[in-house]
Amino acid sequence: MSVIVPERRKIALVDGERRLDLLVPLDDTLGNVLSGLGYIIEPGRHVVLERGGRETKLGILAAELSDGALFAIVDLRANEPLAPTVREQRTTTRYDRGNVWWMLAMIAIVAVGTAVYSNNSDGVVLGTVERAVVSAVLGVAAIVSALAWAFRQSNDNPADALAMLAPLGLAFASGMLAVPSGLEASLQLGIFSGLLAAGILATVLTTSVGGVRLRGASSAVAILLLVFAGVWGITLAMGWGLVAAGAISAGAVPIALRAIPSTLVNVPEGYHIDYARFMSNRWTVRGTIPVSPDQVRFTEVLRIVHDSSARLLAGTVLLSIIAVTMMPIALAGNWRANLLIEIGTIALVVLLVLALLLVPRHTLNPILRWVPRSAAVIVMLEAAVVATAEFGSQSLVIASIVFLVIGIIAAAVLVPIGRGSSSLGWSRLADVMEGLAVAFCLPAALLAADAIDLLRGMMAA
């Protein structure tokens, strides 16, 4: 099997009387190259033309360009060449554009908070007509912003995928407000409707977006949203309450975090070499030998890596958000009414925090490492607030002692590690704790959801 692995792509850039000869890494895009040189390509005004006069997309990877390709930057509104702009102006422009997506995300959060408060308050915050109107407006805004996100000029990098949260948040808020507040289990039905609406919109984005990374991120988000929508739909159909749905969703997060990396790389079997099979036994007449790919091209491998890394990033961030949002729902019930429910709730919090802290240590990406750990801190704060409200001032003393012990243990472990020492025993202990947290978090969630009594009632009926 021959392997073709070029390292750089040589291109030339012409801007007026200037000519730049560049060596570009294969995993970089043409837009990033121009941005690094100081050019701002405004849609509708500037175009990048290749040899022959055809327009080139800025999101194209250097690996897809031919060696020695020539590109020219043309200003459609002026005859003067496009001059590089200072980096501060480019940064300000990008920041201002990013503020639009964050503003839409804030609008979605406010709308979701209004819907939840409207369902739980005694007074009517939004009537049926008002909810329908707001839901329709948010739905239109979600579709318009999703189209703008999908068809805008993008460099196809993971940072651009974060803007996808804005239209999906609007779709979730629209789905929640579409359910009238007077129905039985309206909040649970609203969350199911919101997850379903966001999952459908993410599926549409997967089929319409152009970049490899953006398509991979939207596909992972769509699958996860539809899976959790199925969880809420099943609990709703079985008559299980809001607390049960939230606990099961929170308990499924560690399993999903552990399962995502093993489901990312989708390649034919011929790309894999099963050393265990080759070393232990021969192929039999009943076995099928995978078809060899003959040549492993770098562009195809790069596409698979970009797609898989984007799905891992988007899935990890979404699961962290789900853990933070579902834990208050799981703690909202009367979890001290039964000893098993109390044990399951406490175990759910502890195991979820352990999983969010330990699972990310297998990666080097700072986002993948610190977003789940930040979610673990928020989950602990949510549990502390609930415990304070339940136990009163005594819980503050207990929580202070617990955090003091945790700080002493962390200092005792981190100081030797910071000085350069390492221990295989600590790593194995963390592996064991991580495995236990992933394996028992969902059973603890079922105990917290009072699944035993629920199943007993279903069997009796």
Protein backbone atom coordinates (compact mmCIF):
# COMPACT_ATOMS: atom_id res chain seq x y z
CA MET A 1 0.00 0.00 0.00
CA SER A 2 1.56 3.29 -1.09
CA VAL A 3 0.95 6.44 0.92
CA ILE A 4 0.92 9.89 -0.68
CA VAL A 5 1.60 12.55 1.94
CA PRO A 6 2.52 15.99 0.54
CA GLU A 7 3.29 18.61 3.17
CA ARG A 8 2.85 22.04 1.58
CA ARG A 9 1.07 23.61 -1.37
CA LYS A 10 2.83 26.31 -3.36
CA ILE A 11 0.53 29.10 -4.60
CA ALA A 12 0.94 32.62 -5.94
CA LEU A 13 -1.17 35.65 -5.03
CA VAL A 14 -1.50 38.76 -7.22
CA ASP A 15 -2.86 42.06 -5.90
CA GLY A 16 -2.38 44.89 -8.35
CA GLU A 17 1.35 45.09 -8.99
CA ARG A 18 2.23 42.90 -6.01
CA ARG A 19 2.97 39.21 -6.34
CA LEU A 20 3.35 36.92 -3.34
CA ASP A 21 4.71 33.37 -3.56
CA LEU A 22 3.40 31.33 -0.63
CA LEU A 23 3.88 27.88 0.87
CA VAL A 24 0.59 26.98 2.54
CA PRO A 25 -0.07 24.02 4.92
CA LEU A 26 -2.51 21.56 3.43
CA ASP A 27 -4.93 21.83 6.36
CA ASP A 28 -5.24 25.60 6.04
CA THR A 29 -7.91 27.38 4.01
CA LEU A 30 -7.47 30.09 1.42
CA GLY A 31 -9.51 32.48 3.58
CA ASN A 32 -7.20 31.96 6.56
CA VAL A 33 -4.17 32.62 4.35
CA LEU A 34 -5.61 35.91 3.08
CA SER A 35 -6.69 36.85 6.61
CA GLY A 36 -3.19 36.20 7.93
CA LEU A 37 -1.76 38.49 5.24
CA GLY A 38 -4.08 41.28 6.36
CA TYR A 39 -6.74 41.18 3.63
CA ILE A 40 -10.44 41.67 4.37
CA ILE A 41 -12.56 40.04 1.68
CA GLU A 42 -16.02 41.63 1.78
CA PRO A 43 -18.82 39.55 0.20
CA GLY A 44 -20.29 41.29 -2.81
CA ARG A 45 -17.28 43.55 -3.26
CA HIS A 46 -14.10 41.49 -3.42
CA VAL A 47 -13.66 38.22 -5.29
CA VAL A 48 -10.72 35.84 -5.51
CA LEU A 49 -10.17 34.58 -9.05
CA GLU A 50 -8.01 31.68 -10.13
CA ARG A 51 -6.27 31.21 -13.45
CA GLY A 52 -8.94 31.33 -16.15
CA GLY A 53 -11.15 33.87 -14.35
CA ARG A 54 -13.18 31.47 -12.20
CA GLU A 55 -14.11 32.54 -8.67
CA THR A 56 -12.59 30.53 -5.82
CA LYS A 57 -14.32 29.90 -2.48
CA LEU A 58 -12.43 31.08 0.57
CA GLY A 59 -13.32 27.93 2.50
CA ILE A 60 -11.40 25.66 0.13
CA LEU A 61 -8.51 23.76 1.71
CA ALA A 62 -5.00 24.13 0.36
CA ALA A 63 -4.94 20.36 -0.10
CA GLU A 64 -7.64 20.76 -2.75
CA LEU A 65 -5.62 23.32 -4.73
CA SER A 66 -3.21 22.43 -7.49
CA ASP A 67 0.47 23.07 -6.89
CA GLY A 68 1.52 26.40 -8.39
CA ALA A 69 -2.02 27.81 -8.55
CA LEU A 70 -2.31 31.55 -9.23
CA PHE A 71 -4.96 33.71 -7.54
CA ALA A 72 -5.89 37.37 -7.99
CA ILE A 73 -7.87 39.62 -5.64
CA VAL A 74 -10.30 41.85 -7.51
CA ASP A 75 -12.24 44.81 -6.07
CA LEU A 76 -15.56 45.06 -7.95
CA ARG A 77 -16.27 48.62 -6.72
CA ALA A 78 -12.94 50.29 -7.33
CA ASN A 79 -10.03 50.11 -9.72
CA GLU A 80 -7.39 50.47 -7.03
CA PRO A 81 -5.81 47.33 -5.56
CA LEU A 82 -6.94 45.98 -2.22
CA ALA A 83 -4.41 47.03 0.41
CA PRO A 84 -3.84 45.10 3.59
CA THR A 85 -5.65 46.56 6.59
CA VAL A 86 -4.25 46.71 10.10
CA ARG A 87 -4.95 43.73 12.31
CA GLU A 88 -6.87 45.82 14.84
CA GLN A 89 -9.50 46.75 12.26
CA ARG A 90 -9.91 43.16 11.16
CA THR A 91 -10.29 42.00 14.77
CA THR A 92 -12.90 44.68 15.45
CA THR A 93 -14.90 43.67 12.39
CA ARG A 94 -14.97 40.03 13.38
CA TYR A 95 -15.85 40.89 16.96
CA ASP A 96 -18.78 43.04 15.86
CA ARG A 97 -20.09 40.25 13.63
CA GLY A 98 -19.73 37.75 16.45
CA ASN A 99 -21.76 39.97 18.74
CA VAL A 100 -24.80 39.45 16.51
CA TRP A 101 -24.77 35.69 17.15
CA TRP A 102 -24.21 36.10 20.87
CA MET A 103 -27.08 38.59 21.00
CA LEU A 104 -29.36 36.07 19.31
CA ALA A 105 -28.23 33.41 21.81
CA MET A 106 -29.05 35.76 24.71
CA ILE A 107 -32.50 36.37 23.22
CA ALA A 108 -33.06 32.62 23.09
CA ILE A 109 -31.97 32.21 26.74
CA VAL A 110 -34.33 34.99 27.86
CA ALA A 111 -37.19 33.41 25.88
CA VAL A 112 -36.55 29.96 27.42
CA GLY A 113 -36.41 31.47 30.91
CA THR A 114 -39.69 33.28 30.26
CA ALA A 115 -41.32 30.05 29.10
CA VAL A 116 -40.14 28.11 32.17
CA TYR A 117 -41.23 30.86 34.55
CA SER A 118 -44.59 31.11 32.80
CA ASN A 119 -45.18 27.39 33.33
CA ASN A 120 -44.16 27.39 36.99
CA SER A 121 -45.66 30.67 38.20
CA ASP A 122 -49.12 31.07 39.64
CA GLY A 123 -49.88 34.15 37.58
CA VAL A 124 -50.10 34.11 33.81
CA VAL A 125 -46.99 35.73 32.35
CA LEU A 126 -47.84 34.94 28.74
CA GLY A 127 -51.30 34.01 27.56
CA THR A 128 -52.02 31.44 24.88
CA VAL A 129 -52.18 34.01 22.10
CA GLU A 130 -49.03 35.79 23.29
CA ARG A 131 -47.13 32.50 23.51
CA ALA A 132 -48.19 31.54 20.00
CA VAL A 133 -47.14 34.92 18.58
CA VAL A 134 -43.76 34.88 20.36
CA SER A 135 -43.22 31.26 19.29
CA ALA A 136 -43.92 32.13 15.65
CA VAL A 137 -41.58 35.14 15.76
CA LEU A 138 -38.80 33.07 17.33
CA GLY A 139 -39.36 30.29 14.81
CA VAL A 140 -38.99 32.68 11.89
CA ALA A 141 -35.91 34.21 13.52
CA ALA A 142 -34.42 30.73 13.99
CA ILE A 143 -34.95 29.83 10.31
CA VAL A 144 -33.58 33.15 9.03
CA SER A 145 -30.52 33.06 11.30
CA ALA A 146 -29.92 29.40 10.40
CA LEU A 147 -29.94 30.26 6.70
CA ALA A 148 -27.59 33.18 7.35
CA TRP A 149 -25.26 30.87 9.31
CA ALA A 150 -25.33 28.15 6.65
CA PHE A 151 -24.77 30.33 3.57
CA ARG A 152 -22.51 33.02 4.99
CA GLN A 153 -18.87 33.34 3.97
CA SER A 154 -16.98 31.14 6.39
CA ASN A 155 -13.46 29.84 6.87
CA ASP A 156 -14.82 26.44 7.97
CA ASN A 157 -13.13 26.47 11.37
CA PRO A 158 -14.47 25.16 14.71
CA ALA A 159 -14.94 28.70 16.08
CA ASP A 160 -17.55 29.43 13.39
CA ALA A 161 -19.53 26.40 14.58
CA LEU A 162 -20.23 28.14 17.90
CA ALA A 163 -22.47 30.57 16.05
CA MET A 164 -24.77 27.61 15.35
CA LEU A 165 -25.92 27.78 18.98
CA ALA A 166 -27.85 30.99 18.27
CA PRO A 167 -30.37 29.63 15.70
CA LEU A 168 -30.69 26.34 17.58
CA GLY A 169 -31.39 28.22 20.82
CA LEU A 170 -34.08 30.25 19.06
CA ALA A 171 -35.61 27.04 17.67
CA PHE A 172 -35.62 25.48 21.15
CA ALA A 173 -37.33 28.55 22.62
CA SER A 174 -39.86 28.56 19.79
CA GLY A 175 -40.69 24.90 20.41
CA MET A 176 -41.10 25.46 24.14
CA LEU A 177 -43.42 28.44 23.75
CA ALA A 178 -45.50 26.62 21.14
CA VAL A 179 -46.99 24.45 23.93
CA PRO A 180 -49.79 26.16 25.92
CA SER A 181 -49.07 26.55 29.63
CA GLY A 182 -52.46 25.22 30.74
CA LEU A 183 -51.84 21.62 29.63
CA GLU A 184 -50.92 18.82 31.98
CA ALA A 185 -47.12 18.33 32.04
CA SER A 186 -46.84 21.37 29.78
CA LEU A 187 -43.24 22.11 30.79
CA GLN A 188 -42.13 18.57 30.03
CA LEU A 189 -43.98 18.64 26.72
CA GLY A 190 -42.45 22.05 25.97
CA ILE A 191 -38.89 20.82 26.56
CA PHE A 192 -39.56 17.82 24.31
CA SER A 193 -40.96 20.12 21.64
CA GLY A 194 -37.97 22.46 21.95
CA LEU A 195 -35.43 19.64 21.67
CA LEU A 196 -37.27 18.23 18.68
CA ALA A 197 -37.44 21.61 16.93
CA ALA A 198 -33.72 22.27 17.53
CA GLY A 199 -32.82 18.77 16.35
CA ILE A 200 -34.82 19.14 13.14
CA LEU A 201 -33.22 22.52 12.43
CA ALA A 202 -29.75 21.07 13.05
CA THR A 203 -30.57 18.25 10.62
CA VAL A 204 -31.55 20.79 7.97
CA LEU A 205 -28.30 22.67 8.59
CA THR A 206 -26.34 19.44 8.10
CA THR A 207 -27.74 19.05 4.60
CA SER A 208 -27.24 22.69 3.62
CA VAL A 209 -23.90 23.80 5.08
CA GLY A 210 -20.84 23.53 2.85
CA GLY A 211 -17.70 23.19 4.99
CA VAL A 212 -16.46 19.82 6.24
CA ARG A 213 -16.00 20.97 9.83
CA LEU A 214 -19.31 22.83 9.98
CA ARG A 215 -21.17 19.88 8.47
CA GLY A 216 -19.59 17.51 10.97
CA ALA A 217 -20.41 19.77 13.92
CA SER A 218 -24.04 20.23 12.85
CA SER A 219 -24.51 16.49 12.27
CA ALA A 220 -23.24 15.64 15.78
CA VAL A 221 -25.48 18.28 17.34
CA ALA A 222 -28.48 17.04 15.35
CA ILE A 223 -28.01 13.43 16.46
CA LEU A 224 -27.59 14.34 20.13
CA LEU A 225 -30.58 16.69 20.17
CA LEU A 226 -32.83 14.09 18.54
CA VAL A 227 -31.61 11.38 20.95
CA PHE A 228 -32.38 13.50 24.01
CA ALA A 229 -35.69 14.53 22.44
CA GLY A 230 -36.45 10.81 22.18
CA VAL A 231 -35.61 10.38 25.89
CA TRP A 232 -38.02 13.15 26.85
CA GLY A 233 -40.67 11.81 24.47
CA ILE A 234 -40.44 8.28 25.89
CA THR A 235 -40.66 9.48 29.50
CA LEU A 236 -43.61 11.66 28.56
CA ALA A 237 -45.40 8.77 26.84
CA MET A 238 -44.77 6.45 29.81
CA GLY A 239 -46.18 8.99 32.24
CA TRP A 240 -42.90 9.64 34.02
CA GLY A 241 -42.56 13.11 35.44
CA LEU A 242 -40.34 16.07 34.69
CA VAL A 243 -37.79 15.12 37.37
CA ALA A 244 -37.40 11.62 35.93
CA ALA A 245 -36.73 12.96 32.43
CA GLY A 246 -34.14 15.44 33.73
CA ALA A 247 -32.38 12.82 35.88
CA ILE A 248 -32.18 10.28 33.05
CA SER A 249 -30.88 12.93 30.65
CA ALA A 250 -28.20 14.02 33.12
CA GLY A 251 -27.26 10.40 33.83
CA ALA A 252 -26.83 9.65 30.12
CA VAL A 253 -24.24 12.43 29.65
CA PRO A 254 -21.19 10.42 30.89
CA ILE A 255 -22.08 7.47 28.65
CA ALA A 256 -22.44 9.79 25.67
CA LEU A 257 -19.13 11.51 26.47
CA ARG A 258 -17.40 8.14 26.59
CA ALA A 259 -19.11 6.85 23.44
CA ILE A 260 -18.51 9.86 21.17
CA PRO A 261 -14.81 9.22 20.39
CA SER A 262 -15.48 5.57 19.40
CA THR A 263 -18.20 6.57 16.92
CA LEU A 264 -16.42 9.42 15.14
CA VAL A 265 -14.20 7.92 12.45
CA ASN A 266 -16.41 6.49 9.70
CA VAL A 267 -14.13 4.84 7.13
CA PRO A 268 -14.27 1.54 5.22
CA GLU A 269 -12.87 -1.51 6.98
CA GLY A 270 -9.95 -1.59 4.58
CA TYR A 271 -8.46 1.44 6.30
CA HIS A 272 -8.10 -0.51 9.55
CA ILE A 273 -5.51 -3.18 10.30
CA ASP A 274 -6.82 -5.66 12.83
CA TYR A 275 -3.53 -6.76 14.36
CA ALA A 276 -5.25 -9.06 16.86
CA ARG A 277 -6.82 -11.07 14.02
CA PHE A 278 -3.60 -11.28 12.00
CA MET A 279 -1.60 -12.39 15.03
CA SER A 280 -4.06 -14.97 16.38
CA ASN A 281 -5.75 -16.71 13.46
CA ARG A 282 -6.01 -16.74 9.68
CA TRP A 283 -8.91 -15.62 7.53
CA THR A 284 -11.40 -18.43 7.00
CA VAL A 285 -13.60 -19.16 4.02
CA ARG A 286 -16.53 -17.69 5.93
CA GLY A 287 -14.73 -14.42 6.62
CA THR A 288 -14.69 -11.45 4.28
CA ILE A 289 -11.38 -9.75 3.69
CA PRO A 290 -11.88 -5.97 3.60
CA VAL A 291 -11.19 -4.28 0.29
CA SER A 292 -7.87 -2.44 0.33
CA PRO A 293 -8.04 1.30 -0.47
CA ASP A 294 -4.86 0.88 -2.63
CA GLN A 295 -3.78 4.46 -1.95
CA VAL A 296 -4.31 6.47 1.21
CA ARG A 297 -4.57 10.04 -0.04
CA PHE A 298 -3.76 12.86 2.33
CA THR A 299 -6.75 14.95 1.25
CA GLU A 300 -9.18 12.16 2.15
CA VAL A 301 -7.49 11.53 5.50
CA LEU A 302 -7.53 15.27 6.21
CA ARG A 303 -11.25 15.46 5.44
CA ILE A 304 -11.96 12.56 7.83
CA VAL A 305 -9.85 14.14 10.59
CA HIS A 306 -11.56 17.54 10.23
CA ASP A 307 -15.02 15.97 10.24
CA SER A 308 -14.29 13.79 13.27
CA SER A 309 -12.62 16.55 15.30
CA ALA A 310 -15.51 18.94 14.63
CA ARG A 311 -18.07 16.34 15.72
CA LEU A 312 -16.09 15.60 18.88
CA LEU A 313 -15.86 19.30 19.72
CA ALA A 314 -19.53 20.08 19.07
CA GLY A 315 -20.75 16.95 20.84
CA THR A 316 -18.64 17.57 23.94
CA VAL A 317 -19.78 21.19 24.26
CA LEU A 318 -23.45 20.24 23.77
CA LEU A 319 -23.26 17.42 26.33
CA SER A 320 -21.69 19.81 28.85
CA ILE A 321 -24.57 22.24 28.29
CA ILE A 322 -27.10 19.42 28.70
CA ALA A 323 -25.50 18.33 31.99
CA VAL A 324 -25.70 21.87 33.36
CA THR A 325 -29.31 22.43 32.28
CA MET A 326 -30.69 19.02 33.25
CA MET A 327 -29.26 18.84 36.75
CA PRO A 328 -31.54 21.57 38.22
CA ILE A 329 -34.52 19.68 36.77
CA ALA A 330 -33.31 16.43 38.36
CA LEU A 331 -32.96 18.19 41.74
CA ALA A 332 -36.31 19.99 41.53
CA GLY A 333 -38.37 17.14 42.98
CA ASN A 334 -38.85 15.93 46.53
CA TRP A 335 -35.68 13.85 46.48
CA ARG A 336 -35.69 13.33 50.29
CA ALA A 337 -39.07 11.58 50.28
CA ASN A 338 -37.53 8.14 49.83
CA LEU A 339 -34.16 6.71 50.92
CA LEU A 340 -33.48 5.16 47.52
CA ILE A 341 -34.34 8.40 45.75
CA GLU A 342 -32.05 10.34 48.09
CA ILE A 343 -29.18 7.89 47.58
CA GLY A 344 -29.71 7.93 43.81
CA THR A 345 -29.77 11.73 43.67
CA ILE A 346 -26.59 12.13 45.70
CA ALA A 347 -24.87 9.40 43.68
CA LEU A 348 -26.01 11.06 40.43
CA VAL A 349 -24.41 14.37 41.40
CA VAL A 350 -21.16 12.77 42.57
CA LEU A 351 -20.79 10.42 39.60
CA LEU A 352 -21.69 13.09 37.05
CA VAL A 353 -19.11 15.46 38.51
CA LEU A 354 -16.46 12.71 38.49
CA ALA A 355 -17.23 11.84 34.88
CA LEU A 356 -17.08 15.47 33.74
CA LEU A 357 -13.75 15.90 35.53
CA LEU A 358 -12.03 12.66 34.49
CA VAL A 359 -13.23 11.89 30.96
CA PRO A 360 -11.66 15.05 29.40
CA ARG A 361 -8.15 14.11 30.58
CA HIS A 362 -7.77 11.86 27.50
CA THR A 363 -7.57 14.84 25.14
CA LEU A 364 -5.17 17.74 24.65
CA ASN A 365 -7.62 20.22 23.12
CA PRO A 366 -8.19 23.03 25.68
CA ILE A 367 -11.89 23.33 24.81
CA LEU A 368 -12.46 19.59 25.19
CA ARG A 369 -10.58 19.58 28.49
CA TRP A 370 -12.03 22.63 30.22
CA VAL A 371 -15.63 22.93 28.99
CA PRO A 372 -16.71 19.65 30.70
CA ARG A 373 -14.72 20.58 33.80
CA SER A 374 -16.40 23.98 33.91
CA ALA A 375 -19.72 22.15 33.62
CA ALA A 376 -18.69 19.99 36.59
CA VAL A 377 -18.06 23.11 38.69
CA ILE A 378 -21.47 24.52 37.73
CA VAL A 379 -23.16 21.19 38.61
CA MET A 380 -21.50 21.30 42.04
CA LEU A 381 -22.71 24.86 42.58
CA GLU A 382 -26.26 23.87 41.57
CA ALA A 383 -26.17 20.97 44.01
CA ALA A 384 -24.83 23.26 46.74
CA VAL A 385 -27.66 25.74 46.21
CA VAL A 386 -30.26 22.97 46.42
CA ALA A 387 -28.62 21.48 49.51
CA THR A 388 -28.53 24.90 51.19
CA ALA A 389 -32.24 25.41 50.54
CA GLU A 390 -33.01 21.90 51.81
CA PHE A 391 -30.82 21.62 54.89
CA GLY A 392 -30.48 25.29 55.88
CA SER A 393 -27.38 26.84 57.39
CA GLN A 394 -25.94 23.49 58.49
CA SER A 395 -25.29 22.60 54.87
CA LEU A 396 -23.01 25.63 54.53
CA VAL A 397 -20.73 24.29 57.26
CA ILE A 398 -20.75 20.83 55.73
CA ALA A 399 -20.09 22.20 52.25
CA SER A 400 -17.23 24.36 53.55
CA ILE A 401 -15.60 21.34 55.19
CA VAL A 402 -16.04 19.24 52.05
CA PHE A 403 -14.54 21.92 49.78
CA LEU A 404 -11.67 22.41 52.24
CA VAL A 405 -10.86 18.68 52.15
CA ILE A 406 -11.11 18.69 48.35
CA GLY A 407 -8.73 21.66 48.19
CA ILE A 408 -6.19 19.97 50.47
CA ILE A 409 -6.32 16.76 48.40
CA ALA A 410 -6.01 18.71 45.16
CA ALA A 411 -2.99 20.63 46.50
CA ALA A 412 -1.37 17.41 47.70
CA VAL A 413 -1.78 15.89 44.24
CA LEU A 414 -1.13 18.91 42.00
CA VAL A 415 1.99 20.26 43.73
CA PRO A 416 4.11 17.10 43.06
CA ILE A 417 2.74 16.92 39.53
CA GLY A 418 3.63 20.58 38.96
CA ARG A 419 7.19 19.85 40.07
CA GLY A 420 7.52 17.19 37.38
CA SER A 421 6.66 13.98 39.19
CA SER A 422 4.18 11.52 37.77
CA SER A 423 2.67 8.27 38.91
CA LEU A 424 1.15 5.41 37.01
CA GLY A 425 -0.82 4.55 40.14
CA TRP A 426 -2.67 7.86 40.06
CA SER A 427 -3.51 7.32 36.39
CA ARG A 428 -4.85 3.83 37.06
CA LEU A 429 -6.88 5.10 40.01
CA ALA A 430 -8.37 7.80 37.79
CA ASP A 431 -9.19 5.17 35.16
CA VAL A 432 -11.01 3.08 37.75
CA MET A 433 -12.95 6.07 39.10
CA GLU A 434 -13.83 7.17 35.56
CA GLY A 435 -15.07 3.69 34.65
CA LEU A 436 -17.22 3.48 37.77
CA ALA A 437 -18.66 6.97 37.15
CA VAL A 438 -19.57 6.17 33.55
CA ALA A 439 -21.00 2.74 34.38
CA PHE A 440 -23.11 3.70 37.41
CA CYS A 441 -24.23 7.25 36.59
CA LEU A 442 -27.27 6.14 34.58
CA PRO A 443 -28.38 3.53 37.20
CA ALA A 444 -28.06 6.26 39.85
CA ALA A 445 -30.19 8.50 37.65
CA LEU A 446 -32.84 5.79 37.45
CA LEU A 447 -32.85 5.55 41.25
CA ALA A 448 -33.16 9.34 41.47
CA ALA A 449 -36.06 9.17 39.02
CA ASP A 450 -37.81 6.60 41.26
CA ALA A 451 -37.83 4.16 38.37
CA ILE A 452 -38.52 1.20 40.69
CA ASP A 453 -41.88 2.55 41.84
CA LEU A 454 -42.68 3.73 38.31
CA LEU A 455 -42.02 0.29 36.87
CA ARG A 456 -43.95 -1.35 39.72
CA GLY A 457 -46.91 0.89 38.96
CA MET A 458 -46.72 0.07 35.25
CA MET A 459 -46.63 -3.68 35.96
CA ALA A 460 -49.56 -3.38 38.35
CA ALA A 461 -51.59 -1.53 35.73
